[in-house]
C-alpha atoms as a PDB file:
ATOM      1  CA  MET A   1     131.355 123.813  59.724  1.00  0.00           C
ATOM      2  CA  ILE A   2     130.214 125.893  62.705  1.00  0.00           C
ATOM      3  CA  GLU A   3     131.455 129.442  62.783  1.00  0.00           C
ATOM      4  CA  PRO A   4     130.643 132.094  65.428  1.00  0.00           C
ATOM      5  CA  LEU A   5     129.744 135.571  64.178  1.00  0.00           C
ATOM      6  CA  HIS A   6     131.082 138.618  65.926  1.00  0.00           C
ATOM      7  CA  HIS A   7     129.918 141.464  63.650  1.00  0.00           C
ATOM      8  CA  LEU A   8     126.601 142.103  61.945  1.00  0.00           C
ATOM      9  CA  ASP A   9     128.345 143.649  58.973  1.00  0.00           C
ATOM     10  CA  ASP A  10     130.095 140.363  58.215  1.00  0.00           C
ATOM     11  CA  PRO A  11     129.700 139.933  54.415  1.00  0.00           C
ATOM     12  CA  ARG A  12     129.209 136.187  54.819  1.00  0.00           C
ATOM     13  CA  VAL A  13     125.669 136.778  56.150  1.00  0.00           C
ATOM     14  CA  ALA A  14     124.720 139.810  54.076  1.00  0.00           C
ATOM     15  CA  ASP A  15     122.067 137.828  52.189  1.00  0.00           C
ATOM     16  CA  TYR A  16     120.089 137.285  55.405  1.00  0.00           C
ATOM     17  CA  ALA A  17     119.134 140.944  55.355  1.00  0.00           C
ATOM     18  CA  LYS A  18     116.982 140.045  52.311  1.00  0.00           C
ATOM     19  CA  VAL A  19     114.933 137.217  53.852  1.00  0.00           C
ATOM     20  CA  GLY A  20     111.837 139.431  53.845  1.00  0.00           C
ATOM     21  CA  ASP A  21     112.138 140.184  50.126  1.00  0.00           C
ATOM     22  CA  PRO A  22     110.685 137.236  48.178  1.00  0.00           C
ATOM     23  CA  ALA A  23     111.378 138.846  44.789  1.00  0.00           C
ATOM     24  CA  TRP A  24     115.065 139.276  45.632  1.00  0.00           C
ATOM     25  CA  LEU A  25     115.300 135.711  46.850  1.00  0.00           C
ATOM     26  CA  ARG A  26     113.703 134.307  43.687  1.00  0.00           C
ATOM     27  CA  ASP A  27     115.915 136.457  41.469  1.00  0.00           C
ATOM     28  CA  HIS A  28     118.947 134.996  43.256  1.00  0.00           C
ATOM     29  CA  GLY A  29     117.696 131.416  43.132  1.00  0.00           C
ATOM     30  CA  LEU A  30     117.188 131.158  46.892  1.00  0.00           C
ATOM     31  CA  PHE A  31     114.502 130.317  49.411  1.00  0.00           C
ATOM     32  CA  VAL A  32     114.328 130.627  53.192  1.00  0.00           C
ATOM     33  CA  ALA A  33     113.703 127.876  55.727  1.00  0.00           C
ATOM     34  CA  GLU A  34     112.537 129.360  59.011  1.00  0.00           C
ATOM     35  CA  GLY A  35     112.392 127.712  62.405  1.00  0.00           C
ATOM     36  CA  ARG A  36     114.114 124.785  64.024  1.00  0.00           C
ATOM     37  CA  LEU A  37     111.759 122.084  62.736  1.00  0.00           C
ATOM     38  CA  VAL A  38     111.771 123.359  59.155  1.00  0.00           C
ATOM     39  CA  VAL A  39     115.561 123.767  59.065  1.00  0.00           C
ATOM     40  CA  ARG A  40     115.991 120.312  60.520  1.00  0.00           C
ATOM     41  CA  ARG A  41     113.745 118.886  57.812  1.00  0.00           C
ATOM     42  CA  LEU A  42     115.666 120.760  55.164  1.00  0.00           C
ATOM     43  CA  ILE A  43     118.800 119.011  56.393  1.00  0.00           C
ATOM     44  CA  GLU A  44     117.141 115.591  56.661  1.00  0.00           C
ATOM     45  CA  VAL A  45     115.396 115.644  53.273  1.00  0.00           C
ATOM     46  CA  GLY A  46     118.669 116.334  51.457  1.00  0.00           C
ATOM     47  CA  ARG A  47     116.959 117.424  48.244  1.00  0.00           C
ATOM     48  CA  PHE A  48     118.207 121.000  48.259  1.00  0.00           C
ATOM     49  CA  ASP A  49     121.635 122.568  48.319  1.00  0.00           C
ATOM     50  CA  ILE A  50     121.982 124.584  51.529  1.00  0.00           C
ATOM     51  CA  GLU A  51     123.942 127.799  51.207  1.00  0.00           C
ATOM     52  CA  SER A  52     124.261 128.429  54.934  1.00  0.00           C
ATOM     53  CA  ILE A  53     122.441 128.262  58.270  1.00  0.00           C
ATOM     54  CA  LEU A  54     122.128 131.166  60.693  1.00  0.00           C
ATOM     55  CA  THR A  55     121.200 130.137  64.228  1.00  0.00           C
ATOM     56  CA  THR A  56     121.380 130.975  67.878  1.00  0.00           C
ATOM     57  CA  SER A  57     123.388 128.641  70.093  1.00  0.00           C
ATOM     58  CA  THR A  58     120.165 127.411  71.733  1.00  0.00           C
ATOM     59  CA  ALA A  59     118.556 126.532  68.395  1.00  0.00           C
ATOM     60  CA  LEU A  60     121.725 124.881  67.171  1.00  0.00           C
ATOM     61  CA  LYS A  61     121.393 122.220  69.869  1.00  0.00           C
ATOM     62  CA  THR A  62     118.018 121.127  68.410  1.00  0.00           C
ATOM     63  CA  LEU A  63     119.190 120.573  64.834  1.00  0.00           C
ATOM     64  CA  GLY A  64     120.743 117.169  65.467  1.00  0.00           C
ATOM     65  CA  ASP A  65     124.058 115.547  64.768  1.00  0.00           C
ATOM     66  CA  ARG A  66     123.756 115.913  60.992  1.00  0.00           C
ATOM     67  CA  VAL A  67     124.779 119.559  61.297  1.00  0.00           C
ATOM     68  CA  ASP A  68     128.351 118.442  61.921  1.00  0.00           C
ATOM     69  CA  ALA A  69     128.445 116.670  58.537  1.00  0.00           C
ATOM     70  CA  LEU A  70     127.126 119.615  56.515  1.00  0.00           C
ATOM     71  CA  GLU A  71     129.427 121.156  53.972  1.00  0.00           C
ATOM     72  CA  CYS A  72     127.751 124.562  54.230  1.00  0.00           C
ATOM     73  CA  PRO A  73     128.724 127.049  56.949  1.00  0.00           C
ATOM     74  CA  VAL A  74     126.614 127.238  60.105  1.00  0.00           C
ATOM     75  CA  TYR A  75     126.854 130.707  61.630  1.00  0.00           C
ATOM     76  CA  VAL A  76     126.071 131.131  65.315  1.00  0.00           C
ATOM     77  CA  ILE A  77     124.672 134.490  66.375  1.00  0.00           C
ATOM     78  CA  THR A  78     122.903 136.009  69.388  1.00  0.00           C
ATOM     79  CA  PRO A  79     119.081 136.357  69.271  1.00  0.00           C
ATOM     80  CA  ALA A  80     119.253 140.152  69.364  1.00  0.00           C
ATOM     81  CA  ALA A  81     121.803 140.258  66.550  1.00  0.00           C
ATOM     82  CA  LEU A  82     119.692 137.834  64.464  1.00  0.00           C
ATOM     83  CA  GLU A  83     116.648 140.087  64.747  1.00  0.00           C
ATOM     84  CA  SER A  84     118.728 143.178  63.990  1.00  0.00           C
ATOM     85  CA  LEU A  85     120.252 141.590  60.892  1.00  0.00           C
ATOM     86  CA  THR A  86     117.071 140.147  59.385  1.00  0.00           C
ATOM     87  CA  GLY A  87     114.575 142.742  60.571  1.00  0.00           C
ATOM     88  CA  PHE A  88     112.285 140.020  61.970  1.00  0.00           C
ATOM     89  CA  ASP A  89     111.775 138.565  65.417  1.00  0.00           C
ATOM     90  CA  PHE A  90     112.564 134.930  64.641  1.00  0.00           C
ATOM     91  CA  HIS A  91     111.541 133.526  67.996  1.00  0.00           C
ATOM     92  CA  ARG A  92     112.717 130.061  66.971  1.00  0.00           C
ATOM     93  CA  GLY A  93     116.203 131.461  66.417  1.00  0.00           C
ATOM     94  CA  CYS A  94     117.055 129.563  63.261  1.00  0.00           C
ATOM     95  CA  LEU A  95     117.170 130.308  59.527  1.00  0.00           C
ATOM     96  CA  ALA A  96     118.673 128.725  56.465  1.00  0.00           C
ATOM     97  CA  LEU A  97     119.190 129.868  52.909  1.00  0.00           C
ATOM     98  CA  ALA A  98     118.924 127.129  50.288  1.00  0.00           C
ATOM     99  CA  ARG A  99     119.072 126.920  46.505  1.00  0.00           C
ATOM    100  CA  ARG A 100     115.912 126.614  44.477  1.00  0.00           C
ATOM    101  CA  PRO A 101     115.922 123.806  41.930  1.00  0.00           C
ATOM    102  CA  LEU A 102     117.043 125.075  38.526  1.00  0.00           C
ATOM    103  CA  ALA A 103     113.817 123.696  37.084  1.00  0.00           C
ATOM    104  CA  GLU A 104     110.654 122.116  38.394  1.00  0.00           C
ATOM    105  CA  PRO A 105     110.271 118.448  37.492  1.00  0.00           C
ATOM    106  CA  PRO A 106     108.229 117.589  34.401  1.00  0.00           C
ATOM    107  CA  LEU A 107     104.702 116.356  34.976  1.00  0.00           C
ATOM    108  CA  ASP A 108     105.760 112.926  33.780  1.00  0.00           C
ATOM    109  CA  THR A 109     107.661 112.614  37.064  1.00  0.00           C
ATOM    110  CA  PHE A 110     104.352 111.861  38.766  1.00  0.00           C
ATOM    111  CA  ALA A 111     103.171 109.223  36.317  1.00  0.00           C
ATOM    112  CA  ALA A 112     103.864 106.451  38.821  1.00  0.00           C
ATOM    113  CA  ALA A 113     102.143 108.193  41.762  1.00  0.00           C
ATOM    114  CA  HIS A 114      99.068 106.759  43.444  1.00  0.00           C
ATOM    115  CA  ARG A 115      97.399 109.967  44.601  1.00  0.00           C
ATOM    116  CA  LEU A 116      98.022 113.563  43.561  1.00  0.00           C
ATOM    117  CA  LEU A 117      96.695 116.872  44.828  1.00  0.00           C
ATOM    118  CA  ALA A 118      95.994 119.607  42.257  1.00  0.00           C
ATOM    119  CA  LEU A 119      95.698 123.315  43.190  1.00  0.00           C
ATOM    120  CA  GLU A 120      93.943 125.918  41.082  1.00  0.00           C
ATOM    121  CA  GLY A 121      94.224 129.608  41.979  1.00  0.00           C
ATOM    122  CA  VAL A 122      95.317 128.982  45.578  1.00  0.00           C
ATOM    123  CA  GLY A 123      97.419 132.078  46.173  1.00  0.00           C
ATOM    124  CA  ASN A 124      97.258 132.483  49.956  1.00  0.00           C
ATOM    125  CA  PRO A 125     100.620 131.181  51.290  1.00  0.00           C
ATOM    126  CA  ASP A 126      99.058 129.825  54.469  1.00  0.00           C
ATOM    127  CA  ASN A 127      96.645 127.743  52.370  1.00  0.00           C
ATOM    128  CA  VAL A 128      99.414 126.598  50.035  1.00  0.00           C
ATOM    129  CA  GLY A 129     101.512 125.507  53.006  1.00  0.00           C
ATOM    130  CA  GLY A 130      98.536 123.867  54.692  1.00  0.00           C
ATOM    131  CA  LEU A 131      97.733 121.888  51.567  1.00  0.00           C
ATOM    132  CA  PHE A 132     101.268 120.577  51.354  1.00  0.00           C
ATOM    133  CA  ARG A 133     101.066 119.555  55.014  1.00  0.00           C
ATOM    134  CA  VAL A 134      97.813 117.709  54.308  1.00  0.00           C
ATOM    135  CA  ALA A 135      99.365 116.075  51.253  1.00  0.00           C
ATOM    136  CA  ALA A 136     102.266 114.780  53.318  1.00  0.00           C
ATOM    137  CA  ALA A 137      99.947 113.558  56.053  1.00  0.00           C
ATOM    138  CA  PHE A 138      97.934 111.395  53.665  1.00  0.00           C
ATOM    139  CA  ASP A 139     100.796 110.043  51.537  1.00  0.00           C
ATOM    140  CA  VAL A 140     100.024 112.061  48.425  1.00  0.00           C
ATOM    141  CA  GLY A 141     102.670 111.413  45.796  1.00  0.00           C
ATOM    142  CA  GLY A 142     102.920 114.993  44.525  1.00  0.00           C
ATOM    143  CA  ALA A 143     101.189 118.333  44.017  1.00  0.00           C
ATOM    144  CA  LEU A 144     100.234 119.910  40.705  1.00  0.00           C
ATOM    145  CA  LEU A 145      99.904 123.688  40.695  1.00  0.00           C
ATOM    146  CA  ASP A 146      98.242 125.889  38.116  1.00  0.00           C
ATOM    147  CA  PRO A 147     100.102 129.092  37.062  1.00  0.00           C
ATOM    148  CA  ALA A 148      98.134 131.253  39.550  1.00  0.00           C
ATOM    149  CA  SER A 149      98.805 129.187  42.695  1.00  0.00           C
ATOM    150  CA  GLY A 150     101.354 130.389  45.211  1.00  0.00           C
ATOM    151  CA  ASP A 151     104.987 129.419  45.723  1.00  0.00           C
ATOM    152  CA  PRO A 152     105.401 126.415  48.063  1.00  0.00           C
ATOM    153  CA  LEU A 153     108.947 127.575  48.867  1.00  0.00           C
ATOM    154  CA  TYR A 154     107.827 131.042  49.969  1.00  0.00           C
ATOM    155  CA  ARG A 155     108.795 131.591  53.614  1.00  0.00           C
ATOM    156  CA  LYS A 156     105.245 131.751  55.006  1.00  0.00           C
ATOM    157  CA  ALA A 157     104.059 128.741  52.985  1.00  0.00           C
ATOM    158  CA  MET A 158     107.090 126.789  54.114  1.00  0.00           C
ATOM    159  CA  ARG A 159     106.483 127.656  57.746  1.00  0.00           C
ATOM    160  CA  THR A 160     102.775 126.716  57.572  1.00  0.00           C
ATOM    161  CA  SER A 161     103.596 123.441  55.872  1.00  0.00           C
ATOM    162  CA  MET A 162     105.948 122.610  58.786  1.00  0.00           C
ATOM    163  CA  GLY A 163     108.537 121.710  56.165  1.00  0.00           C
ATOM    164  CA  ALA A 164     106.223 119.395  54.209  1.00  0.00           C
ATOM    165  CA  ALA A 165     106.840 121.476  51.078  1.00  0.00           C
ATOM    166  CA  LEU A 166     110.442 120.241  51.226  1.00  0.00           C
ATOM    167  CA  GLY A 167     109.379 116.606  50.934  1.00  0.00           C
ATOM    168  CA  VAL A 168     106.274 116.578  48.722  1.00  0.00           C
ATOM    169  CA  PRO A 169     107.385 116.977  45.107  1.00  0.00           C
ATOM    170  CA  TYR A 170     105.486 119.455  42.976  1.00  0.00           C
ATOM    171  CA  ALA A 171     105.302 120.843  39.484  1.00  0.00           C
ATOM    172  CA  ARG A 172     103.396 123.583  37.709  1.00  0.00           C
ATOM    173  CA  ALA A 173     100.988 122.672  34.930  1.00  0.00           C
ATOM    174  CA  ARG A 174     101.459 125.614  32.615  1.00  0.00           C
ATOM    175  CA  ALA A 175      98.647 124.653  30.240  1.00  0.00           C
ATOM    176  CA  TRP A 176      95.958 124.425  32.874  1.00  0.00           C
ATOM    177  CA  PRO A 177      93.823 122.381  33.106  1.00  0.00           C
ATOM    178  CA  ASN A 178      94.586 120.633  29.814  1.00  0.00           C
ATOM    179  CA  GLU A 179      97.739 119.062  31.172  1.00  0.00           C
ATOM    180  CA  LEU A 180      95.647 117.194  33.715  1.00  0.00           C
ATOM    181  CA  LEU A 181      94.229 115.173  30.847  1.00  0.00           C
ATOM    182  CA  ARG A 182      97.626 113.509  30.470  1.00  0.00           C
ATOM    183  CA  PHE A 183      97.067 111.927  33.874  1.00  0.00           C
ATOM    184  CA  ARG A 184      93.715 110.567  32.772  1.00  0.00           C
ATOM    185  CA  GLU A 185      95.528 108.868  29.909  1.00  0.00           C
ATOM    186  CA  ARG A 186      97.760 107.189  32.525  1.00  0.00           C
ATOM    187  CA  GLY A 187      94.820 105.784  34.446  1.00  0.00           C
ATOM    188  CA  PHE A 188      94.096 108.578  36.898  1.00  0.00           C
ATOM    189  CA  GLN A 189      90.570 109.726  37.706  1.00  0.00           C
ATOM    190  CA  ILE A 190      90.327 113.489  38.077  1.00  0.00           C
ATOM    191  CA  VAL A 191      88.213 114.410  41.093  1.00  0.00           C
ATOM    192  CA  ALA A 192      86.968 117.997  41.572  1.00  0.00           C
ATOM    193  CA  LEU A 193      86.068 119.062  45.105  1.00  0.00           C
ATOM    194  CA  THR A 194      83.179 121.505  44.912  1.00  0.00           C
ATOM    195  CA  PRO A 195      80.254 122.621  47.109  1.00  0.00           C
ATOM    196  CA  MET A 196      77.857 122.287  44.152  1.00  0.00           C
ATOM    197  CA  ALA A 197      74.626 120.613  45.238  1.00  0.00           C
ATOM    198  CA  SER A 198      74.702 118.391  42.139  1.00  0.00           C
ATOM    199  CA  ALA A 199      78.050 116.852  43.111  1.00  0.00           C
ATOM    200  CA  MET A 200      78.350 113.352  44.541  1.00  0.00           C
ATOM    201  CA  PRO A 201      78.565 113.251  48.356  1.00  0.00           C
ATOM    202  CA  LEU A 202      82.053 112.382  49.535  1.00  0.00           C
ATOM    203  CA  ALA A 203      80.930 109.331  51.498  1.00  0.00           C
ATOM    204  CA  ALA A 204      79.317 107.829  48.397  1.00  0.00           C
ATOM    205  CA  PHE A 205      82.386 108.491  46.283  1.00  0.00           C
ATOM    206  CA  ALA A 206      84.703 107.033  48.923  1.00  0.00           C
ATOM    207  CA  ALA A 207      82.554 103.888  49.163  1.00  0.00           C
ATOM    208  CA  ALA A 208      82.830 103.394  45.411  1.00  0.00           C
ATOM    209  CA  THR A 209      86.604 103.960  45.378  1.00  0.00           C
ATOM    210  CA  ALA A 210      89.145 101.182  45.790  1.00  0.00           C
ATOM    211  CA  SER A 211      92.362 101.666  47.729  1.00  0.00           C
ATOM    212  CA  ASP A 212      94.455 101.181  44.572  1.00  0.00           C
ATOM    213  CA  ASP A 213      92.458 103.616  42.431  1.00  0.00           C
ATOM    214  CA  ARG A 214      94.681 106.383  41.077  1.00  0.00           C
ATOM    215  CA  LEU A 215      93.230 109.825  41.748  1.00  0.00           C
ATOM    216  CA  VAL A 216      94.014 113.484  41.144  1.00  0.00           C
ATOM    217  CA  VAL A 217      92.098 115.409  43.800  1.00  0.00           C
ATOM    218  CA  MET A 218      91.589 118.981  42.600  1.00  0.00           C
ATOM    219  CA  VAL A 219      90.848 121.951  44.859  1.00  0.00           C
ATOM    220  CA  GLY A 220      90.295 125.634  44.103  1.00  0.00           C
ATOM    221  CA  ALA A 221      90.698 128.982  45.810  1.00  0.00           C
ATOM    222  CA  GLU A 222      88.351 129.931  48.601  1.00  0.00           C
ATOM    223  CA  GLY A 223      85.441 132.020  47.411  1.00  0.00           C
ATOM    224  CA  ALA A 224      85.879 131.469  43.677  1.00  0.00           C
ATOM    225  CA  GLY A 225      86.308 127.708  43.925  1.00  0.00           C
ATOM    226  CA  LEU A 226      87.302 125.731  40.851  1.00  0.00           C
ATOM    227  CA  SER A 227      86.823 127.382  37.494  1.00  0.00           C
ATOM    228  CA  ALA A 228      84.235 126.130  35.016  1.00  0.00           C
ATOM    229  CA  THR A 229      87.085 124.928  32.809  1.00  0.00           C
ATOM    230  CA  ALA A 230      88.588 122.889  35.619  1.00  0.00           C
ATOM    231  CA  LEU A 231      85.221 121.441  36.514  1.00  0.00           C
ATOM    232  CA  ASP A 232      84.687 120.440  32.916  1.00  0.00           C
ATOM    233  CA  ALA A 233      88.055 118.652  32.917  1.00  0.00           C
ATOM    234  CA  ALA A 234      87.116 116.517  35.926  1.00  0.00           C
ATOM    235  CA  ASP A 235      85.734 113.001  35.708  1.00  0.00           C
ATOM    236  CA  VAL A 236      83.636 113.414  38.831  1.00  0.00           C
ATOM    237  CA  HIS A 237      82.456 116.255  41.067  1.00  0.00           C
ATOM    238  CA  VAL A 238      82.511 115.494  44.789  1.00  0.00           C
ATOM    239  CA  ARG A 239      81.129 117.559  47.671  1.00  0.00           C
ATOM    240  CA  ILE A 240      81.479 117.442  51.436  1.00  0.00           C
ATOM    241  CA  PRO A 241      77.999 117.806  52.948  1.00  0.00           C
ATOM    242  CA  ILE A 242      77.969 120.615  55.520  1.00  0.00           C
ATOM    243  CA  SER A 243      75.442 122.627  57.479  1.00  0.00           C
ATOM    244  CA  SER A 244      73.267 125.014  55.485  1.00  0.00           C
ATOM    245  CA  GLN A 245      74.397 127.699  57.900  1.00  0.00           C
ATOM    246  CA  VAL A 246      77.909 127.572  56.435  1.00  0.00           C
ATOM    247  CA  ASP A 247      78.778 128.562  52.836  1.00  0.00           C
ATOM    248  CA  SER A 248      81.924 126.486  52.444  1.00  0.00           C
ATOM    249  CA  LEU A 249      84.974 125.013  54.140  1.00  0.00           C
ATOM    250  CA  ASN A 250      88.517 126.321  54.176  1.00  0.00           C
ATOM    251  CA  VAL A 251      90.341 124.703  51.268  1.00  0.00           C
ATOM    252  CA  VAL A 252      92.893 123.045  53.573  1.00  0.00           C
ATOM    253  CA  VAL A 253      90.151 121.599  55.764  1.00  0.00           C
ATOM    254  CA  ALA A 254      88.233 120.363  52.727  1.00  0.00           C
ATOM    255  CA  ALA A 255      91.300 118.684  51.216  1.00  0.00           C
ATOM    256  CA  GLY A 256      92.121 117.060  54.560  1.00  0.00           C
ATOM    257  CA  ILE A 257      88.607 115.678  54.985  1.00  0.00           C
ATOM    258  CA  ALA A 258      88.558 114.357  51.420  1.00  0.00           C
ATOM    259  CA  LEU A 259      91.977 112.704  51.540  1.00  0.00           C
ATOM    260  CA  ALA A 260      91.299 111.195  54.959  1.00  0.00           C
ATOM    261  CA  SER A 261      87.992 109.749  53.735  1.00  0.00           C
ATOM    262  CA  LEU A 262      89.434 108.005  50.663  1.00  0.00           C
ATOM    263  CA  PRO A 263      90.759 104.462  51.102  1.00  0.00           C
ATOM    264  CA  ARG A 264      94.550 104.191  50.943  1.00  0.00           C
ATOM    265  CA  LEU A 265      96.991 101.430  50.176  1.00  0.00           C
END
């Protein structure tokens, strides 16, 4: 249902003035999808209830025919009015407010997955979003987050993921890393990515891995890396050999190299 907006004080779009306040959004059970591609993926995935879409007329043309079938309102606004209302220069001219799931899925949801990506202490939203993008690129069946890792539905993480956080299911392992052991019981091998010199080189691990092996690939925050407790929980430690002139790789780059190197079904 497409509706033009004529006044910025229209109460129907009052919530868009809060898109820069993540605490307010969480308290109200909402998240923001920003940009034409991300909003289009939000529509296509169909996993989330969309409250409304706020867009310029130019951006509206890029969202596809499915907009016409949406039950939520689609408000059309000028670029200048959009920036004035939200307080941000959304150069892609398109935003949506959607409902957060009432609860994250239980870890058992991922019992049938082939590959999983586990995040420990990754708080930077750009890294969180990048990891979800990598997970989607390499057909990872889900992401497991420890309590300290960032929110995949946070606006910046969503934007960096290019909407991948909308499609890759995730859950938080509250008892970290003990809950990972439940995946070992289901036939998963827990793989810790680490720059430790004692770890197995990635090429050697990949050569010894079959395409149907079930793996949880675990990555940690830049700088600190994986905790000693997480390393102890792993079945194998794997490193990516790099130049001695470089301390480590960005966590998104490391995860991408590792997942691309492993054989897939």
